[in-house]
Amino acid sequence: MQQDGLKLTITPCSSRIGCIVVRLAGTDLHAEITTEWTSSADHLPRLDGFFASVGQLEEGVSKEWLSESEDFALSACLDPHFPGLVFLRVYLG
């Protein structure tokens, strides 16, 4: 959750295994999709592995993750203007 109230939540689906519900909500925004927690690329980890690897980021290096159906993507990097924080871009298609 950001200080301005924008919040990203990722929860397992109740209807099937390997499925997640992704919500991005703020004051005037609500976006939600249902997708997989597996990546579209064989060499990339599942979503939980992506988040675990973000802790190992170095400045100037970004990590990307794309869901198997390619409707949910994340990109993480360090920003020298905000030490100690990870800059996370979220795509919901």
C-alpha atoms as a PDB file:
ATOM      1  CA  MET A   1       0.000   0.000   0.000  1.00  0.00           C
ATOM      2  CA  GLN A   2       1.256   3.462  -0.878  1.00  0.00           C
ATOM      3  CA  GLN A   3       0.908   6.537   1.305  1.00  0.00           C
ATOM      4  CA  ASP A   4      -1.698   7.939  -1.124  1.00  0.00           C
ATOM      5  CA  GLY A   5      -3.918   4.886  -0.549  1.00  0.00           C
ATOM      6  CA  LEU A   6      -3.188   2.938  -3.749  1.00  0.00           C
ATOM      7  CA  LYS A   7      -3.181  -0.729  -2.757  1.00  0.00           C
ATOM      8  CA  LEU A   8      -2.194  -3.912  -4.610  1.00  0.00           C
ATOM      9  CA  THR A   9      -3.555  -7.210  -3.294  1.00  0.00           C
ATOM     10  CA  ILE A  10      -2.907 -10.686  -4.649  1.00  0.00           C
ATOM     11  CA  THR A  11      -4.985 -13.544  -3.252  1.00  0.00           C
ATOM     12  CA  PRO A  12      -5.544 -17.178  -4.258  1.00  0.00           C
ATOM     13  CA  CYS A  13      -8.757 -18.001  -6.131  1.00  0.00           C
ATOM     14  CA  SER A  14     -11.293 -20.028  -4.254  1.00  0.00           C
ATOM     15  CA  SER A  15     -12.438 -21.703  -7.473  1.00  0.00           C
ATOM     16  CA  ARG A  16      -9.279 -23.414  -8.781  1.00  0.00           C
ATOM     17  CA  ILE A  17      -5.672 -24.246  -7.912  1.00  0.00           C
ATOM     18  CA  GLY A  18      -2.892 -22.095  -9.411  1.00  0.00           C
ATOM     19  CA  CYS A  19      -5.225 -19.163  -9.913  1.00  0.00           C
ATOM     20  CA  ILE A  20      -4.899 -15.725  -8.292  1.00  0.00           C
ATOM     21  CA  VAL A  21      -7.057 -12.619  -8.056  1.00  0.00           C
ATOM     22  CA  VAL A  22      -5.110  -9.372  -8.495  1.00  0.00           C
ATOM     23  CA  ARG A  23      -6.684  -6.107  -7.320  1.00  0.00           C
ATOM     24  CA  LEU A  24      -5.377  -2.579  -7.675  1.00  0.00           C
ATOM     25  CA  ALA A  25      -7.510  -0.075  -5.764  1.00  0.00           C
ATOM     26  CA  GLY A  26      -7.275   3.571  -4.829  1.00  0.00           C
ATOM     27  CA  THR A  27      -9.506   6.574  -4.267  1.00  0.00           C
ATOM     28  CA  ASP A  28     -10.955   6.633  -7.797  1.00  0.00           C
ATOM     29  CA  LEU A  29      -9.574   3.348  -9.137  1.00  0.00           C
ATOM     30  CA  HIS A  30     -10.554  -0.286  -8.906  1.00  0.00           C
ATOM     31  CA  ALA A  31      -9.058  -2.817 -11.302  1.00  0.00           C
ATOM     32  CA  GLU A  32      -9.264  -6.572 -10.879  1.00  0.00           C
ATOM     33  CA  ILE A  33      -8.291  -9.625 -12.906  1.00  0.00           C
ATOM     34  CA  THR A  34      -8.140 -13.359 -12.380  1.00  0.00           C
ATOM     35  CA  THR A  35      -4.994 -14.985 -13.760  1.00  0.00           C
ATOM     36  CA  GLU A  36      -2.351 -17.662 -13.100  1.00  0.00           C
ATOM     37  CA  TRP A  37       0.516 -17.526 -10.616  1.00  0.00           C
ATOM     38  CA  THR A  38       2.817 -19.196 -13.163  1.00  0.00           C
ATOM     39  CA  SER A  39       4.995 -17.292 -15.589  1.00  0.00           C
ATOM     40  CA  SER A  40       4.787 -17.245 -19.382  1.00  0.00           C
ATOM     41  CA  ALA A  41       8.554 -17.887 -19.552  1.00  0.00           C
ATOM     42  CA  ASP A  42      10.098 -21.223 -18.630  1.00  0.00           C
ATOM     43  CA  HIS A  43      13.114 -19.605 -16.959  1.00  0.00           C
ATOM     44  CA  LEU A  44      11.083 -17.289 -14.701  1.00  0.00           C
ATOM     45  CA  PRO A  45       9.772 -18.450 -11.331  1.00  0.00           C
ATOM     46  CA  ARG A  46       6.232 -18.543 -10.131  1.00  0.00           C
ATOM     47  CA  LEU A  47       4.934 -15.285  -8.719  1.00  0.00           C
ATOM     48  CA  ASP A  48       6.082 -16.061  -5.166  1.00  0.00           C
ATOM     49  CA  GLY A  49       9.594 -16.680  -6.525  1.00  0.00           C
ATOM     50  CA  PHE A  50       9.541 -13.322  -8.283  1.00  0.00           C
ATOM     51  CA  PHE A  51       8.763 -11.496  -5.043  1.00  0.00           C
ATOM     52  CA  ALA A  52      11.459 -13.450  -3.202  1.00  0.00           C
ATOM     53  CA  SER A  53      14.025 -12.468  -5.864  1.00  0.00           C
ATOM     54  CA  VAL A  54      13.140  -8.764  -5.678  1.00  0.00           C
ATOM     55  CA  GLY A  55      14.928  -8.577  -2.327  1.00  0.00           C
ATOM     56  CA  GLN A  56      18.179  -9.335  -4.167  1.00  0.00           C
ATOM     57  CA  LEU A  57      17.894  -6.484  -6.686  1.00  0.00           C
ATOM     58  CA  GLU A  58      20.861  -4.251  -7.385  1.00  0.00           C
ATOM     59  CA  GLU A  59      20.624  -0.638  -8.529  1.00  0.00           C
ATOM     60  CA  GLY A  60      20.321  -0.378 -12.307  1.00  0.00           C
ATOM     61  CA  VAL A  61      18.938  -3.909 -12.663  1.00  0.00           C
ATOM     62  CA  SER A  62      15.241  -4.640 -13.087  1.00  0.00           C
ATOM     63  CA  LYS A  63      13.278  -7.873 -12.739  1.00  0.00           C
ATOM     64  CA  GLU A  64      10.200  -8.605 -14.808  1.00  0.00           C
ATOM     65  CA  TRP A  65       7.458 -11.183 -14.451  1.00  0.00           C
ATOM     66  CA  LEU A  66       4.602 -11.957 -16.884  1.00  0.00           C
ATOM     67  CA  SER A  67       1.721 -14.327 -16.182  1.00  0.00           C
ATOM     68  CA  GLU A  68       1.146 -17.329 -18.394  1.00  0.00           C
ATOM     69  CA  SER A  69      -1.897 -15.701 -20.014  1.00  0.00           C
ATOM     70  CA  GLU A  70       0.097 -12.438 -20.386  1.00  0.00           C
ATOM     71  CA  ASP A  71      -2.620 -10.321 -18.758  1.00  0.00           C
ATOM     72  CA  PHE A  72      -0.672  -9.495 -15.588  1.00  0.00           C
ATOM     73  CA  ALA A  73       2.892  -8.205 -15.490  1.00  0.00           C
ATOM     74  CA  LEU A  74       5.225  -6.803 -12.855  1.00  0.00           C
ATOM     75  CA  SER A  75       8.516  -4.962 -13.153  1.00  0.00           C
ATOM     76  CA  ALA A  76      10.662  -4.166 -10.113  1.00  0.00           C
ATOM     77  CA  CYS A  77      13.752  -1.977  -9.794  1.00  0.00           C
ATOM     78  CA  LEU A  78      15.584   0.158  -7.267  1.00  0.00           C
ATOM     79  CA  ASP A  79      15.405   3.923  -7.601  1.00  0.00           C
ATOM     80  CA  PRO A  80      18.440   5.859  -6.298  1.00  0.00           C
ATOM     81  CA  HIS A  81      16.105   8.736  -5.331  1.00  0.00           C
ATOM     82  CA  PHE A  82      14.263   6.447  -2.896  1.00  0.00           C
ATOM     83  CA  PRO A  83      16.896   4.361  -1.072  1.00  0.00           C
ATOM     84  CA  GLY A  84      15.598   1.241   0.612  1.00  0.00           C
ATOM     85  CA  LEU A  85      12.421   1.105  -1.480  1.00  0.00           C
ATOM     86  CA  VAL A  86      11.527  -0.976  -4.549  1.00  0.00           C
ATOM     87  CA  PHE A  87       9.819   0.688  -7.506  1.00  0.00           C
ATOM     88  CA  LEU A  88       7.096  -1.691  -8.719  1.00  0.00           C
ATOM     89  CA  ARG A  89       5.261  -1.284 -12.023  1.00  0.00           C
ATOM     90  CA  VAL A  90       1.991  -3.190 -12.379  1.00  0.00           C
ATOM     91  CA  TYR A  91       0.196  -4.069 -15.615  1.00  0.00           C
ATOM     92  CA  LEU A  92      -3.334  -5.475 -15.593  1.00  0.00           C
ATOM     93  CA  GLY A  93      -4.656  -6.277 -19.057  1.00  0.00           C
END
